[in-house]
mmCIF file of all heavy atoms, coordinates in Angstrom:
data_MODEL
# 
_entry.id   MODEL 
# 
loop_
_atom_site.group_PDB 
_atom_site.id 
_atom_site.type_symbol 
_atom_site.label_atom_id 
_atom_site.label_alt_id 
_atom_site.label_comp_id 
_atom_site.label_asym_id 
_atom_site.label_entity_id 
_atom_site.label_seq_id 
_atom_site.pdbx_PDB_ins_code 
_atom_site.Cartn_x 
_atom_site.Cartn_y 
_atom_site.Cartn_z 
_atom_site.occupancy 
_atom_site.B_iso_or_equiv 
_atom_site.pdbx_formal_charge 
_atom_site.auth_seq_id 
_atom_site.auth_comp_id 
_atom_site.auth_asym_id 
_atom_site.auth_atom_id 
_atom_site.pdbx_PDB_model_num 
ATOM 1   N N   . ALA A 1 1  ? -31.657 1.422   -10.307 1.00 0.00 ? 1  ALA A N   1 
ATOM 2   C CA  . ALA A 1 1  ? -31.167 0.539   -11.517 1.00 0.00 ? 1  ALA A CA  1 
ATOM 3   C C   . ALA A 1 1  ? -31.401 -0.931  -11.115 1.00 0.00 ? 1  ALA A C   1 
ATOM 4   O O   . ALA A 1 1  ? -31.172 -1.408  -10.066 1.00 0.00 ? 1  ALA A O   1 
ATOM 5   C CB  . ALA A 1 1  ? -29.826 0.963   -11.707 1.00 0.00 ? 1  ALA A CB  1 
ATOM 6   N N   . THR A 1 2  ? -31.682 -1.713  -12.114 1.00 0.00 ? 2  THR A N   1 
ATOM 7   C CA  . THR A 1 2  ? -31.866 -3.082  -12.039 1.00 0.00 ? 2  THR A CA  1 
ATOM 8   C C   . THR A 1 2  ? -30.642 -3.735  -11.318 1.00 0.00 ? 2  THR A C   1 
ATOM 9   O O   . THR A 1 2  ? -30.876 -4.580  -10.402 1.00 0.00 ? 2  THR A O   1 
ATOM 10  C CB  . THR A 1 2  ? -32.099 -3.841  -13.361 1.00 0.00 ? 2  THR A CB  1 
ATOM 11  O OG1 . THR A 1 2  ? -33.312 -3.261  -13.993 1.00 0.00 ? 2  THR A OG1 1 
ATOM 12  C CG2 . THR A 1 2  ? -32.125 -5.311  -13.260 1.00 0.00 ? 2  THR A CG2 1 
ATOM 13  N N   . GLN A 1 3  ? -29.411 -3.328  -11.724 1.00 0.00 ? 3  GLN A N   1 
ATOM 14  C CA  . GLN A 1 3  ? -28.252 -3.942  -11.109 1.00 0.00 ? 3  GLN A CA  1 
ATOM 15  C C   . GLN A 1 3  ? -27.941 -3.434  -9.659  1.00 0.00 ? 3  GLN A C   1 
ATOM 16  O O   . GLN A 1 3  ? -27.206 -4.193  -8.971  1.00 0.00 ? 3  GLN A O   1 
ATOM 17  C CB  . GLN A 1 3  ? -27.071 -3.721  -12.006 1.00 0.00 ? 3  GLN A CB  1 
ATOM 18  C CG  . GLN A 1 3  ? -25.755 -4.591  -11.766 1.00 0.00 ? 3  GLN A CG  1 
ATOM 19  C CD  . GLN A 1 3  ? -24.851 -4.568  -12.886 1.00 0.00 ? 3  GLN A CD  1 
ATOM 20  O OE1 . GLN A 1 3  ? -25.266 -4.335  -14.077 1.00 0.00 ? 3  GLN A OE1 1 
ATOM 21  N NE2 . GLN A 1 3  ? -23.612 -4.909  -12.601 1.00 0.00 ? 3  GLN A NE2 1 
ATOM 22  N N   . GLY A 1 4  ? -28.576 -2.345  -9.377  1.00 0.00 ? 4  GLY A N   1 
ATOM 23  C CA  . GLY A 1 4  ? -28.397 -1.731  -8.022  1.00 0.00 ? 4  GLY A CA  1 
ATOM 24  C C   . GLY A 1 4  ? -28.170 -0.245  -8.108  1.00 0.00 ? 4  GLY A C   1 
ATOM 25  O O   . GLY A 1 4  ? -27.717 0.172   -9.210  1.00 0.00 ? 4  GLY A O   1 
ATOM 26  N N   . VAL A 1 5  ? -28.154 0.371   -6.978  1.00 0.00 ? 5  VAL A N   1 
ATOM 27  C CA  . VAL A 1 5  ? -27.736 1.829   -6.876  1.00 0.00 ? 5  VAL A CA  1 
ATOM 28  C C   . VAL A 1 5  ? -26.414 2.112   -7.416  1.00 0.00 ? 5  VAL A C   1 
ATOM 29  O O   . VAL A 1 5  ? -25.463 1.427   -6.901  1.00 0.00 ? 5  VAL A O   1 
ATOM 30  C CB  . VAL A 1 5  ? -28.110 2.386   -5.510  1.00 0.00 ? 5  VAL A CB  1 
ATOM 31  C CG1 . VAL A 1 5  ? -27.627 3.783   -5.378  1.00 0.00 ? 5  VAL A CG1 1 
ATOM 32  C CG2 . VAL A 1 5  ? -29.544 2.205   -5.106  1.00 0.00 ? 5  VAL A CG2 1 
ATOM 33  N N   . LEU A 1 6  ? -26.222 3.013   -8.297  1.00 0.00 ? 6  LEU A N   1 
ATOM 34  C CA  . LEU A 1 6  ? -24.922 3.029   -8.909  1.00 0.00 ? 6  LEU A CA  1 
ATOM 35  C C   . LEU A 1 6  ? -23.931 3.580   -7.805  1.00 0.00 ? 6  LEU A C   1 
ATOM 36  O O   . LEU A 1 6  ? -22.759 2.967   -7.749  1.00 0.00 ? 6  LEU A O   1 
ATOM 37  C CB  . LEU A 1 6  ? -24.931 4.161   -9.950  1.00 0.00 ? 6  LEU A CB  1 
ATOM 38  C CG  . LEU A 1 6  ? -23.595 4.420   -10.549 1.00 0.00 ? 6  LEU A CG  1 
ATOM 39  C CD1 . LEU A 1 6  ? -22.926 3.145   -11.243 1.00 0.00 ? 6  LEU A CD1 1 
ATOM 40  C CD2 . LEU A 1 6  ? -23.707 5.703   -11.749 1.00 0.00 ? 6  LEU A CD2 1 
ATOM 41  N N   . GLU A 1 7  ? -24.197 4.556   -6.966  1.00 0.00 ? 7  GLU A N   1 
ATOM 42  C CA  . GLU A 1 7  ? -23.365 4.963   -5.925  1.00 0.00 ? 7  GLU A CA  1 
ATOM 43  C C   . GLU A 1 7  ? -22.850 3.781   -4.961  1.00 0.00 ? 7  GLU A C   1 
ATOM 44  O O   . GLU A 1 7  ? -21.732 3.761   -4.568  1.00 0.00 ? 7  GLU A O   1 
ATOM 45  C CB  . GLU A 1 7  ? -24.000 6.134   -5.164  1.00 0.00 ? 7  GLU A CB  1 
ATOM 46  C CG  . GLU A 1 7  ? -24.435 7.271   -5.869  1.00 0.00 ? 7  GLU A CG  1 
ATOM 47  C CD  . GLU A 1 7  ? -25.870 7.218   -6.234  1.00 0.00 ? 7  GLU A CD  1 
ATOM 48  O OE1 . GLU A 1 7  ? -26.240 6.312   -6.933  1.00 0.00 ? 7  GLU A OE1 1 
ATOM 49  O OE2 . GLU A 1 7  ? -26.560 8.093   -5.739  1.00 0.00 ? 7  GLU A OE2 1 
ATOM 50  N N   . SER A 1 8  ? -23.856 2.905   -4.704  1.00 0.00 ? 8  SER A N   1 
ATOM 51  C CA  . SER A 1 8  ? -23.520 1.862   -3.816  1.00 0.00 ? 8  SER A CA  1 
ATOM 52  C C   . SER A 1 8  ? -22.684 0.753   -4.463  1.00 0.00 ? 8  SER A C   1 
ATOM 53  O O   . SER A 1 8  ? -21.738 0.282   -3.881  1.00 0.00 ? 8  SER A O   1 
ATOM 54  C CB  . SER A 1 8  ? -24.817 1.199   -3.316  1.00 0.00 ? 8  SER A CB  1 
ATOM 55  O OG  . SER A 1 8  ? -25.665 2.187   -2.605  1.00 0.00 ? 8  SER A OG  1 
ATOM 56  N N   . ARG A 1 9  ? -22.907 0.494   -5.775  1.00 0.00 ? 9  ARG A N   1 
ATOM 57  C CA  . ARG A 1 9  ? -21.991 -0.400  -6.493  1.00 0.00 ? 9  ARG A CA  1 
ATOM 58  C C   . ARG A 1 9  ? -20.658 0.168   -6.591  1.00 0.00 ? 9  ARG A C   1 
ATOM 59  O O   . ARG A 1 9  ? -19.691 -0.602  -6.521  1.00 0.00 ? 9  ARG A O   1 
ATOM 60  C CB  . ARG A 1 9  ? -22.674 -0.726  -7.947  1.00 0.00 ? 9  ARG A CB  1 
ATOM 61  C CG  . ARG A 1 9  ? -23.918 -1.624  -7.940  1.00 0.00 ? 9  ARG A CG  1 
ATOM 62  C CD  . ARG A 1 9  ? -24.370 -1.888  -9.190  1.00 0.00 ? 9  ARG A CD  1 
ATOM 63  N NE  . ARG A 1 9  ? -25.090 -1.019  -9.978  1.00 0.00 ? 9  ARG A NE  1 
ATOM 64  C CZ  . ARG A 1 9  ? -24.632 -0.467  -11.147 1.00 0.00 ? 9  ARG A CZ  1 
ATOM 65  N NH1 . ARG A 1 9  ? -23.525 -0.999  -11.727 1.00 0.00 ? 9  ARG A NH1 1 
ATOM 66  N NH2 . ARG A 1 9  ? -25.239 0.451   -11.740 1.00 0.00 ? 9  ARG A NH2 1 
ATOM 67  N N   . GLU A 1 10 ? -20.518 1.492   -6.851  1.00 0.00 ? 10 GLU A N   1 
ATOM 68  C CA  . GLU A 1 10 ? -19.146 2.140   -7.065  1.00 0.00 ? 10 GLU A CA  1 
ATOM 69  C C   . GLU A 1 10 ? -18.504 1.940   -5.701  1.00 0.00 ? 10 GLU A C   1 
ATOM 70  O O   . GLU A 1 10 ? -17.262 1.725   -5.583  1.00 0.00 ? 10 GLU A O   1 
ATOM 71  C CB  . GLU A 1 10 ? -19.353 3.575   -7.439  1.00 0.00 ? 10 GLU A CB  1 
ATOM 72  C CG  . GLU A 1 10 ? -19.783 3.633   -8.807  1.00 0.00 ? 10 GLU A CG  1 
ATOM 73  C CD  . GLU A 1 10 ? -19.894 5.109   -9.211  1.00 0.00 ? 10 GLU A CD  1 
ATOM 74  O OE1 . GLU A 1 10 ? -20.225 5.981   -8.288  1.00 0.00 ? 10 GLU A OE1 1 
ATOM 75  O OE2 . GLU A 1 10 ? -20.006 5.480   -10.575 1.00 0.00 ? 10 GLU A OE2 1 
ATOM 76  N N   . PHE A 1 11 ? -19.151 2.199   -4.545  1.00 0.00 ? 11 PHE A N   1 
ATOM 77  C CA  . PHE A 1 11 ? -18.695 2.171   -3.195  1.00 0.00 ? 11 PHE A CA  1 
ATOM 78  C C   . PHE A 1 11 ? -18.134 0.743   -2.996  1.00 0.00 ? 11 PHE A C   1 
ATOM 79  O O   . PHE A 1 11 ? -17.003 0.386   -2.423  1.00 0.00 ? 11 PHE A O   1 
ATOM 80  C CB  . PHE A 1 11 ? -19.573 2.527   -2.180  1.00 0.00 ? 11 PHE A CB  1 
ATOM 81  C CG  . PHE A 1 11 ? -19.094 2.381   -0.809  1.00 0.00 ? 11 PHE A CG  1 
ATOM 82  C CD1 . PHE A 1 11 ? -18.352 3.438   -0.265  1.00 0.00 ? 11 PHE A CD1 1 
ATOM 83  C CD2 . PHE A 1 11 ? -19.323 1.233   -0.016  1.00 0.00 ? 11 PHE A CD2 1 
ATOM 84  C CE1 . PHE A 1 11 ? -17.766 3.349   1.100   1.00 0.00 ? 11 PHE A CE1 1 
ATOM 85  C CE2 . PHE A 1 11 ? -18.908 1.132   1.322   1.00 0.00 ? 11 PHE A CE2 1 
ATOM 86  C CZ  . PHE A 1 11 ? -18.101 2.217   1.849   1.00 0.00 ? 11 PHE A CZ  1 
ATOM 87  N N   . VAL A 1 12 ? -19.045 -0.199  -3.235  1.00 0.00 ? 12 VAL A N   1 
ATOM 88  C CA  . VAL A 1 12 ? -18.637 -1.674  -3.022  1.00 0.00 ? 12 VAL A CA  1 
ATOM 89  C C   . VAL A 1 12 ? -17.353 -2.116  -3.873  1.00 0.00 ? 12 VAL A C   1 
ATOM 90  O O   . VAL A 1 12 ? -16.549 -2.668  -3.468  1.00 0.00 ? 12 VAL A O   1 
ATOM 91  C CB  . VAL A 1 12 ? -19.735 -2.673  -3.327  1.00 0.00 ? 12 VAL A CB  1 
ATOM 92  C CG1 . VAL A 1 12 ? -19.310 -4.130  -3.311  1.00 0.00 ? 12 VAL A CG1 1 
ATOM 93  C CG2 . VAL A 1 12 ? -20.831 -2.454  -2.255  1.00 0.00 ? 12 VAL A CG2 1 
ATOM 94  N N   . ALA A 1 13 ? -17.431 -1.600  -5.164  1.00 0.00 ? 13 ALA A N   1 
ATOM 95  C CA  . ALA A 1 13 ? -16.278 -1.923  -6.094  1.00 0.00 ? 13 ALA A CA  1 
ATOM 96  C C   . ALA A 1 13 ? -14.973 -1.334  -5.412  1.00 0.00 ? 13 ALA A C   1 
ATOM 97  O O   . ALA A 1 13 ? -13.915 -1.968  -5.504  1.00 0.00 ? 13 ALA A O   1 
ATOM 98  C CB  . ALA A 1 13 ? -16.493 -1.303  -7.383  1.00 0.00 ? 13 ALA A CB  1 
ATOM 99  N N   . ARG A 1 14 ? -15.027 -0.104  -4.871  1.00 0.00 ? 14 ARG A N   1 
ATOM 100 C CA  . ARG A 1 14 ? -13.777 0.386   -4.279  1.00 0.00 ? 14 ARG A CA  1 
ATOM 101 C C   . ARG A 1 14 ? -13.295 -0.383  -3.000  1.00 0.00 ? 14 ARG A C   1 
ATOM 102 O O   . ARG A 1 14 ? -12.155 -0.630  -2.880  1.00 0.00 ? 14 ARG A O   1 
ATOM 103 C CB  . ARG A 1 14 ? -14.066 1.808   -3.780  1.00 0.00 ? 14 ARG A CB  1 
ATOM 104 C CG  . ARG A 1 14 ? -14.182 2.865   -4.861  1.00 0.00 ? 14 ARG A CG  1 
ATOM 105 C CD  . ARG A 1 14 ? -14.148 4.317   -4.464  1.00 0.00 ? 14 ARG A CD  1 
ATOM 106 N NE  . ARG A 1 14 ? -15.225 4.684   -3.661  1.00 0.00 ? 14 ARG A NE  1 
ATOM 107 C CZ  . ARG A 1 14 ? -16.348 5.138   -4.027  1.00 0.00 ? 14 ARG A CZ  1 
ATOM 108 N NH1 . ARG A 1 14 ? -16.592 5.383   -5.274  1.00 0.00 ? 14 ARG A NH1 1 
ATOM 109 N NH2 . ARG A 1 14 ? -17.314 5.491   -3.077  1.00 0.00 ? 14 ARG A NH2 1 
ATOM 110 N N   . MET A 1 15 ? -14.271 -0.956  -2.380  1.00 0.00 ? 15 MET A N   1 
ATOM 111 C CA  . MET A 1 15 ? -13.915 -1.761  -1.166  1.00 0.00 ? 15 MET A CA  1 
ATOM 112 C C   . MET A 1 15 ? -13.141 -3.120  -1.721  1.00 0.00 ? 15 MET A C   1 
ATOM 113 O O   . MET A 1 15 ? -12.215 -3.525  -1.048  1.00 0.00 ? 15 MET A O   1 
ATOM 114 C CB  . MET A 1 15 ? -15.144 -2.270  -0.357  1.00 0.00 ? 15 MET A CB  1 
ATOM 115 C CG  . MET A 1 15 ? -15.781 -1.115  0.476   1.00 0.00 ? 15 MET A CG  1 
ATOM 116 S SD  . MET A 1 15 ? -16.898 -1.708  1.793   1.00 0.00 ? 15 MET A SD  1 
ATOM 117 C CE  . MET A 1 15 ? -17.974 -2.710  0.832   1.00 0.00 ? 15 MET A CE  1 
ATOM 118 N N   . VAL A 1 16 ? -13.702 -3.659  -2.744  1.00 0.00 ? 16 VAL A N   1 
ATOM 119 C CA  . VAL A 1 16 ? -13.096 -4.843  -3.313  1.00 0.00 ? 16 VAL A CA  1 
ATOM 120 C C   . VAL A 1 16 ? -11.741 -4.484  -3.740  1.00 0.00 ? 16 VAL A C   1 
ATOM 121 O O   . VAL A 1 16 ? -10.640 -5.189  -3.427  1.00 0.00 ? 16 VAL A O   1 
ATOM 122 C CB  . VAL A 1 16 ? -13.927 -5.397  -4.610  1.00 0.00 ? 16 VAL A CB  1 
ATOM 123 C CG1 . VAL A 1 16 ? -13.123 -6.505  -5.183  1.00 0.00 ? 16 VAL A CG1 1 
ATOM 124 C CG2 . VAL A 1 16 ? -15.241 -5.845  -3.962  1.00 0.00 ? 16 VAL A CG2 1 
ATOM 125 N N   . ASN A 1 17 ? -11.539 -3.293  -4.456  1.00 0.00 ? 17 ASN A N   1 
ATOM 126 C CA  . ASN A 1 17 ? -10.195 -2.963  -5.046  1.00 0.00 ? 17 ASN A CA  1 
ATOM 127 C C   . ASN A 1 17 ? -9.174  -2.669  -3.974  1.00 0.00 ? 17 ASN A C   1 
ATOM 128 O O   . ASN A 1 17 ? -7.912  -2.912  -4.141  1.00 0.00 ? 17 ASN A O   1 
ATOM 129 C CB  . ASN A 1 17 ? -10.351 -1.872  -6.026  1.00 0.00 ? 17 ASN A CB  1 
ATOM 130 C CG  . ASN A 1 17 ? -11.215 -2.251  -7.263  1.00 0.00 ? 17 ASN A CG  1 
ATOM 131 O OD1 . ASN A 1 17 ? -11.341 -3.354  -7.516  1.00 0.00 ? 17 ASN A OD1 1 
ATOM 132 N ND2 . ASN A 1 17 ? -11.750 -1.170  -7.919  1.00 0.00 ? 17 ASN A ND2 1 
ATOM 133 N N   . GLN A 1 18 ? -9.699  -2.199  -2.849  1.00 0.00 ? 18 GLN A N   1 
ATOM 134 C CA  . GLN A 1 18 ? -8.759  -1.912  -1.712  1.00 0.00 ? 18 GLN A CA  1 
ATOM 135 C C   . GLN A 1 18 ? -8.103  -3.187  -1.050  1.00 0.00 ? 18 GLN A C   1 
ATOM 136 O O   . GLN A 1 18 ? -7.133  -2.997  -0.386  1.00 0.00 ? 18 GLN A O   1 
ATOM 137 C CB  . GLN A 1 18 ? -9.433  -1.127  -0.600  1.00 0.00 ? 18 GLN A CB  1 
ATOM 138 C CG  . GLN A 1 18 ? -9.765  0.418   -0.955  1.00 0.00 ? 18 GLN A CG  1 
ATOM 139 C CD  . GLN A 1 18 ? -10.724 1.086   -0.059  1.00 0.00 ? 18 GLN A CD  1 
ATOM 140 O OE1 . GLN A 1 18 ? -11.155 0.477   0.958   1.00 0.00 ? 18 GLN A OE1 1 
ATOM 141 N NE2 . GLN A 1 18 ? -11.083 2.234   -0.450  1.00 0.00 ? 18 GLN A NE2 1 
ATOM 142 N N   . ARG A 1 19 ? -8.807  -4.373  -1.318  1.00 0.00 ? 19 ARG A N   1 
ATOM 143 C CA  . ARG A 1 19 ? -8.239  -5.591  -0.823  1.00 0.00 ? 19 ARG A CA  1 
ATOM 144 C C   . ARG A 1 19 ? -6.833  -5.931  -1.596  1.00 0.00 ? 19 ARG A C   1 
ATOM 145 O O   . ARG A 1 19 ? -6.062  -6.699  -0.951  1.00 0.00 ? 19 ARG A O   1 
ATOM 146 C CB  . ARG A 1 19 ? -9.143  -6.681  -0.997  1.00 0.00 ? 19 ARG A CB  1 
ATOM 147 C CG  . ARG A 1 19 ? -10.477 -6.513  -0.247  1.00 0.00 ? 19 ARG A CG  1 
ATOM 148 C CD  . ARG A 1 19 ? -11.367 -7.703  -0.637  1.00 0.00 ? 19 ARG A CD  1 
ATOM 149 N NE  . ARG A 1 19 ? -12.838 -7.368  -0.334  1.00 0.00 ? 19 ARG A NE  1 
ATOM 150 C CZ  . ARG A 1 19 ? -13.799 -7.858  -1.049  1.00 0.00 ? 19 ARG A CZ  1 
ATOM 151 N NH1 . ARG A 1 19 ? -13.644 -8.718  -2.033  1.00 0.00 ? 19 ARG A NH1 1 
ATOM 152 N NH2 . ARG A 1 19 ? -15.036 -7.410  -0.652  1.00 0.00 ? 19 ARG A NH2 1 
ATOM 153 N N   . GLY A 1 20 ? -6.725  -5.303  -2.724  1.00 0.00 ? 20 GLY A N   1 
ATOM 154 C CA  . GLY A 1 20 ? -5.603  -5.649  -3.570  1.00 0.00 ? 20 GLY A CA  1 
ATOM 155 C C   . GLY A 1 20 ? -5.858  -6.758  -4.550  1.00 0.00 ? 20 GLY A C   1 
ATOM 156 O O   . GLY A 1 20 ? -7.012  -7.332  -4.572  1.00 0.00 ? 20 GLY A O   1 
ATOM 157 N N   . SER A 1 21 ? -4.960  -7.130  -5.340  1.00 0.00 ? 21 SER A N   1 
ATOM 158 C CA  . SER A 1 21 ? -5.130  -8.129  -6.365  1.00 0.00 ? 21 SER A CA  1 
ATOM 159 C C   . SER A 1 21 ? -6.297  -7.781  -7.420  1.00 0.00 ? 21 SER A C   1 
ATOM 160 O O   . SER A 1 21 ? -6.186  -6.882  -8.069  1.00 0.00 ? 21 SER A O   1 
ATOM 161 C CB  . SER A 1 21 ? -5.336  -9.530  -5.704  1.00 0.00 ? 21 SER A CB  1 
ATOM 162 O OG  . SER A 1 21 ? -5.148  -10.575 -6.631  1.00 0.00 ? 21 SER A OG  1 
ATOM 163 N N   . TYR A 1 22 ? -7.211  -8.502  -7.465  1.00 0.00 ? 22 TYR A N   1 
ATOM 164 C CA  . TYR A 1 22 ? -8.236  -8.511  -8.494  1.00 0.00 ? 22 TYR A CA  1 
ATOM 165 C C   . TYR A 1 22 ? -9.022  -7.122  -8.356  1.00 0.00 ? 22 TYR A C   1 
ATOM 166 O O   . TYR A 1 22 ? -9.425  -6.730  -7.232  1.00 0.00 ? 22 TYR A O   1 
ATOM 167 C CB  . TYR A 1 22 ? -9.290  -9.668  -8.407  1.00 0.00 ? 22 TYR A CB  1 
ATOM 168 C CG  . TYR A 1 22 ? -10.176 -9.705  -9.733  1.00 0.00 ? 22 TYR A CG  1 
ATOM 169 C CD1 . TYR A 1 22 ? -9.662  -10.368 -10.932 1.00 0.00 ? 22 TYR A CD1 1 
ATOM 170 C CD2 . TYR A 1 22 ? -11.387 -9.021  -9.755  1.00 0.00 ? 22 TYR A CD2 1 
ATOM 171 C CE1 . TYR A 1 22 ? -10.600 -10.356 -11.949 1.00 0.00 ? 22 TYR A CE1 1 
ATOM 172 C CE2 . TYR A 1 22 ? -12.147 -9.073  -11.011 1.00 0.00 ? 22 TYR A CE2 1 
ATOM 173 C CZ  . TYR A 1 22 ? -11.778 -9.763  -11.973 1.00 0.00 ? 22 TYR A CZ  1 
ATOM 174 O OH  . TYR A 1 22 ? -12.479 -9.780  -13.049 1.00 0.00 ? 22 TYR A OH  1 
ATOM 175 N N   . GLN A 1 23 ? -9.269  -6.436  -9.484  1.00 0.00 ? 23 GLN A N   1 
ATOM 176 C CA  . GLN A 1 23 ? -9.843  -5.261  -9.486  1.00 0.00 ? 23 GLN A CA  1 
ATOM 177 C C   . GLN A 1 23 ? -11.171 -5.313  -10.291 1.00 0.00 ? 23 GLN A C   1 
ATOM 178 O O   . GLN A 1 23 ? -11.300 -5.894  -11.226 1.00 0.00 ? 23 GLN A O   1 
ATOM 179 C CB  . GLN A 1 23 ? -8.992  -4.119  -10.212 1.00 0.00 ? 23 GLN A CB  1 
ATOM 180 C CG  . GLN A 1 23 ? -7.665  -3.908  -9.504  1.00 0.00 ? 23 GLN A CG  1 
ATOM 181 C CD  . GLN A 1 23 ? -7.792  -3.322  -8.088  1.00 0.00 ? 23 GLN A CD  1 
ATOM 182 O OE1 . GLN A 1 23 ? -8.035  -1.983  -8.042  1.00 0.00 ? 23 GLN A OE1 1 
ATOM 183 N NE2 . GLN A 1 23 ? -7.500  -4.008  -7.018  1.00 0.00 ? 23 GLN A NE2 1 
ATOM 184 N N   . VAL A 1 24 ? -12.186 -4.623  -9.716  1.00 0.00 ? 24 VAL A N   1 
ATOM 185 C CA  . VAL A 1 24 ? -13.571 -4.786  -10.278 1.00 0.00 ? 24 VAL A CA  1 
ATOM 186 C C   . VAL A 1 24 ? -13.995 -3.317  -10.728 1.00 0.00 ? 24 VAL A C   1 
ATOM 187 O O   . VAL A 1 24 ? -13.408 -2.241  -10.202 1.00 0.00 ? 24 VAL A O   1 
ATOM 188 C CB  . VAL A 1 24 ? -14.572 -5.382  -9.342  1.00 0.00 ? 24 VAL A CB  1 
ATOM 189 C CG1 . VAL A 1 24 ? -14.112 -6.804  -9.053  1.00 0.00 ? 24 VAL A CG1 1 
ATOM 190 C CG2 . VAL A 1 24 ? -14.724 -4.598  -8.141  1.00 0.00 ? 24 VAL A CG2 1 
ATOM 191 N N   . THR A 1 25 ? -15.128 -3.231  -11.285 1.00 0.00 ? 25 THR A N   1 
ATOM 192 C CA  . THR A 1 25 ? -15.829 -1.930  -11.579 1.00 0.00 ? 25 THR A CA  1 
ATOM 193 C C   . THR A 1 25 ? -17.192 -2.086  -10.996 1.00 0.00 ? 25 THR A C   1 
ATOM 194 O O   . THR A 1 25 ? -17.604 -3.171  -10.642 1.00 0.00 ? 25 THR A O   1 
ATOM 195 C CB  . THR A 1 25 ? -15.844 -1.638  -13.078 1.00 0.00 ? 25 THR A CB  1 
ATOM 196 O OG1 . THR A 1 25 ? -16.655 -2.485  -13.799 1.00 0.00 ? 25 THR A OG1 1 
ATOM 197 C CG2 . THR A 1 25 ? -14.484 -1.605  -13.681 1.00 0.00 ? 25 THR A CG2 1 
# 
């Protein structure tokens, strides 16, 4: 996908969200 591999984007988003505070998709 142009934006990146979906599974990898979902994984990175989970890493961001585990930091707390701001949540991404």
